[in-house]
Amino acid sequence: MKHYLLMMVLMVAVGVAALSPVTVVAAENPAANTLIETIHLNQATAEQLQTLPGVGPALSERIVIYRTEHGPFSSVDQLTDVKGIGQAKLAKFKKQLTVD
């Protein structure tokens, strides 16, 4: 009987620990644990650019073509010169890019 009671107390303690606020917060925001990779704008392939939020095959190709025709980007903000990239879209992935 003592073993049964001890097991029940142990099971309740483990169950309560599993529902801790830290576990719930991590489940609600899985992106908080995600490592963001920085992409070099002047060296990235079209496929690498497609990993950016909101950038698909057509837009990534336009970025590469623009870079080929106009030379390397001097700043990430210069991406707004590419058709289809405005300030709002750039804001979604600007922190993931570098030109250094």
C-alpha atoms as a PDB file:
ATOM      1  CA  MET A   1       0.000   0.000   0.000  1.00  0.00           C
ATOM      2  CA  LYS A   2       2.884   2.391   0.774  1.00  0.00           C
ATOM      3  CA  HIS A   3       4.411   1.708  -2.645  1.00  0.00           C
ATOM      4  CA  TYR A   4       1.085   2.386  -4.364  1.00  0.00           C
ATOM      5  CA  LEU A   5       0.640   5.663  -2.489  1.00  0.00           C
ATOM      6  CA  LEU A   6       4.242   6.692  -3.226  1.00  0.00           C
ATOM      7  CA  MET A   7       3.756   5.950  -6.932  1.00  0.00           C
ATOM      8  CA  MET A   8       0.561   8.023  -7.040  1.00  0.00           C
ATOM      9  CA  VAL A   9       2.291  11.007  -5.401  1.00  0.00           C
ATOM     10  CA  LEU A  10       5.202  10.683  -7.818  1.00  0.00           C
ATOM     11  CA  MET A  11       2.878  10.538 -10.845  1.00  0.00           C
ATOM     12  CA  VAL A  12       1.008  13.650  -9.707  1.00  0.00           C
ATOM     13  CA  ALA A  13       4.285  15.519  -9.142  1.00  0.00           C
ATOM     14  CA  VAL A  14       5.548  14.625 -12.624  1.00  0.00           C
ATOM     15  CA  GLY A  15       2.218  15.598 -14.169  1.00  0.00           C
ATOM     16  CA  VAL A  16       2.222  18.997 -12.484  1.00  0.00           C
ATOM     17  CA  ALA A  17       5.829  19.637 -13.540  1.00  0.00           C
ATOM     18  CA  ALA A  18       4.940  18.869 -17.161  1.00  0.00           C
ATOM     19  CA  LEU A  19       2.320  21.638 -17.117  1.00  0.00           C
ATOM     20  CA  SER A  20       4.692  24.336 -15.905  1.00  0.00           C
ATOM     21  CA  PRO A  21       4.369  27.823 -17.486  1.00  0.00           C
ATOM     22  CA  VAL A  22       7.787  27.485 -19.113  1.00  0.00           C
ATOM     23  CA  THR A  23       6.600  24.483 -21.102  1.00  0.00           C
ATOM     24  CA  VAL A  24       3.431  26.278 -22.196  1.00  0.00           C
ATOM     25  CA  VAL A  25       5.320  29.424 -23.287  1.00  0.00           C
ATOM     26  CA  ALA A  26       7.785  27.371 -25.334  1.00  0.00           C
ATOM     27  CA  ALA A  27       4.909  25.543 -27.016  1.00  0.00           C
ATOM     28  CA  GLU A  28       3.118  28.813 -27.826  1.00  0.00           C
ATOM     29  CA  ASN A  29       6.214  30.425 -29.342  1.00  0.00           C
ATOM     30  CA  PRO A  30       8.390  27.774 -31.028  1.00  0.00           C
ATOM     31  CA  ALA A  31      10.116  30.487 -33.095  1.00  0.00           C
ATOM     32  CA  ALA A  32      11.745  31.767 -29.907  1.00  0.00           C
ATOM     33  CA  ASN A  33      14.044  28.749 -30.017  1.00  0.00           C
ATOM     34  CA  THR A  34      14.804  29.061 -33.745  1.00  0.00           C
ATOM     35  CA  LEU A  35      18.235  30.189 -34.873  1.00  0.00           C
ATOM     36  CA  ILE A  36      18.022  32.757 -37.676  1.00  0.00           C
ATOM     37  CA  GLU A  37      20.652  32.271 -40.359  1.00  0.00           C
ATOM     38  CA  THR A  38      22.103  35.380 -41.990  1.00  0.00           C
ATOM     39  CA  ILE A  39      22.191  35.344 -45.782  1.00  0.00           C
ATOM     40  CA  HIS A  40      24.775  37.370 -47.701  1.00  0.00           C
ATOM     41  CA  LEU A  41      22.717  39.231 -50.290  1.00  0.00           C
ATOM     42  CA  ASN A  42      25.526  39.525 -52.838  1.00  0.00           C
ATOM     43  CA  GLN A  43      26.457  35.835 -52.713  1.00  0.00           C
ATOM     44  CA  ALA A  44      23.129  34.078 -52.174  1.00  0.00           C
ATOM     45  CA  THR A  45      21.672  31.780 -54.795  1.00  0.00           C
ATOM     46  CA  ALA A  46      18.036  32.037 -55.846  1.00  0.00           C
ATOM     47  CA  GLU A  47      17.342  28.921 -53.760  1.00  0.00           C
ATOM     48  CA  GLN A  48      18.903  30.464 -50.651  1.00  0.00           C
ATOM     49  CA  LEU A  49      16.872  33.643 -51.121  1.00  0.00           C
ATOM     50  CA  GLN A  50      13.697  31.551 -51.216  1.00  0.00           C
ATOM     51  CA  THR A  51      14.235  30.685 -47.547  1.00  0.00           C
ATOM     52  CA  LEU A  52      13.300  34.281 -46.701  1.00  0.00           C
ATOM     53  CA  PRO A  53       9.675  34.888 -45.680  1.00  0.00           C
ATOM     54  CA  GLY A  54       7.565  35.976 -48.657  1.00  0.00           C
ATOM     55  CA  VAL A  55      10.260  35.265 -51.264  1.00  0.00           C
ATOM     56  CA  GLY A  56       9.321  32.657 -53.839  1.00  0.00           C
ATOM     57  CA  PRO A  57      11.021  31.433 -57.006  1.00  0.00           C
ATOM     58  CA  ALA A  58      10.003  34.391 -59.201  1.00  0.00           C
ATOM     59  CA  LEU A  59      11.090  37.058 -56.712  1.00  0.00           C
ATOM     60  CA  SER A  60      14.354  35.325 -55.878  1.00  0.00           C
ATOM     61  CA  GLU A  61      15.175  35.185 -59.613  1.00  0.00           C
ATOM     62  CA  ARG A  62      14.407  38.918 -59.954  1.00  0.00           C
ATOM     63  CA  ILE A  63      16.820  39.638 -57.101  1.00  0.00           C
ATOM     64  CA  VAL A  64      19.599  37.603 -58.749  1.00  0.00           C
ATOM     65  CA  ILE A  65      18.941  39.196 -62.159  1.00  0.00           C
ATOM     66  CA  TYR A  66      18.959  42.694 -60.636  1.00  0.00           C
ATOM     67  CA  ARG A  67      22.262  41.928 -58.915  1.00  0.00           C
ATOM     68  CA  THR A  68      23.740  40.612 -62.171  1.00  0.00           C
ATOM     69  CA  GLU A  69      22.625  43.641 -64.179  1.00  0.00           C
ATOM     70  CA  HIS A  70      23.409  46.365 -61.601  1.00  0.00           C
ATOM     71  CA  GLY A  71      26.303  44.906 -59.636  1.00  0.00           C
ATOM     72  CA  PRO A  72      26.437  44.026 -55.948  1.00  0.00           C
ATOM     73  CA  PHE A  73      24.015  45.587 -53.493  1.00  0.00           C
ATOM     74  CA  SER A  74      25.607  48.318 -51.412  1.00  0.00           C
ATOM     75  CA  SER A  75      22.915  47.994 -48.718  1.00  0.00           C
ATOM     76  CA  VAL A  76      20.022  45.711 -47.878  1.00  0.00           C
ATOM     77  CA  ASP A  77      17.658  48.682 -48.309  1.00  0.00           C
ATOM     78  CA  GLN A  78      18.580  48.765 -52.002  1.00  0.00           C
ATOM     79  CA  LEU A  79      16.372  45.674 -52.431  1.00  0.00           C
ATOM     80  CA  THR A  80      13.401  48.016 -52.740  1.00  0.00           C
ATOM     81  CA  ASP A  81      14.698  48.763 -56.253  1.00  0.00           C
ATOM     82  CA  VAL A  82      13.733  45.195 -57.225  1.00  0.00           C
ATOM     83  CA  LYS A  83      10.195  44.920 -58.611  1.00  0.00           C
ATOM     84  CA  GLY A  84       7.954  43.283 -56.010  1.00  0.00           C
ATOM     85  CA  ILE A  85       9.867  44.371 -52.922  1.00  0.00           C
ATOM     86  CA  GLY A  86       8.479  47.273 -50.978  1.00  0.00           C
ATOM     87  CA  GLN A  87       9.221  48.507 -47.481  1.00  0.00           C
ATOM     88  CA  ALA A  88       6.680  46.145 -45.895  1.00  0.00           C
ATOM     89  CA  LYS A  89       8.070  43.028 -47.565  1.00  0.00           C
ATOM     90  CA  LEU A  90      11.653  44.078 -46.869  1.00  0.00           C
ATOM     91  CA  ALA A  91      10.826  44.535 -43.182  1.00  0.00           C
ATOM     92  CA  LYS A  92       9.856  40.841 -42.979  1.00  0.00           C
ATOM     93  CA  PHE A  93      13.346  39.600 -43.774  1.00  0.00           C
ATOM     94  CA  LYS A  94      15.730  42.569 -43.537  1.00  0.00           C
ATOM     95  CA  LYS A  95      17.348  41.322 -40.314  1.00  0.00           C
ATOM     96  CA  GLN A  96      18.242  38.036 -42.025  1.00  0.00           C
ATOM     97  CA  LEU A  97      20.330  39.735 -44.741  1.00  0.00           C
ATOM     98  CA  THR A  98      23.751  41.296 -44.880  1.00  0.00           C
ATOM     99  CA  VAL A  99      25.929  42.832 -47.594  1.00  0.00           C
ATOM    100  CA  ASP A 100      29.161  42.848 -45.525  1.00  0.00           C
END
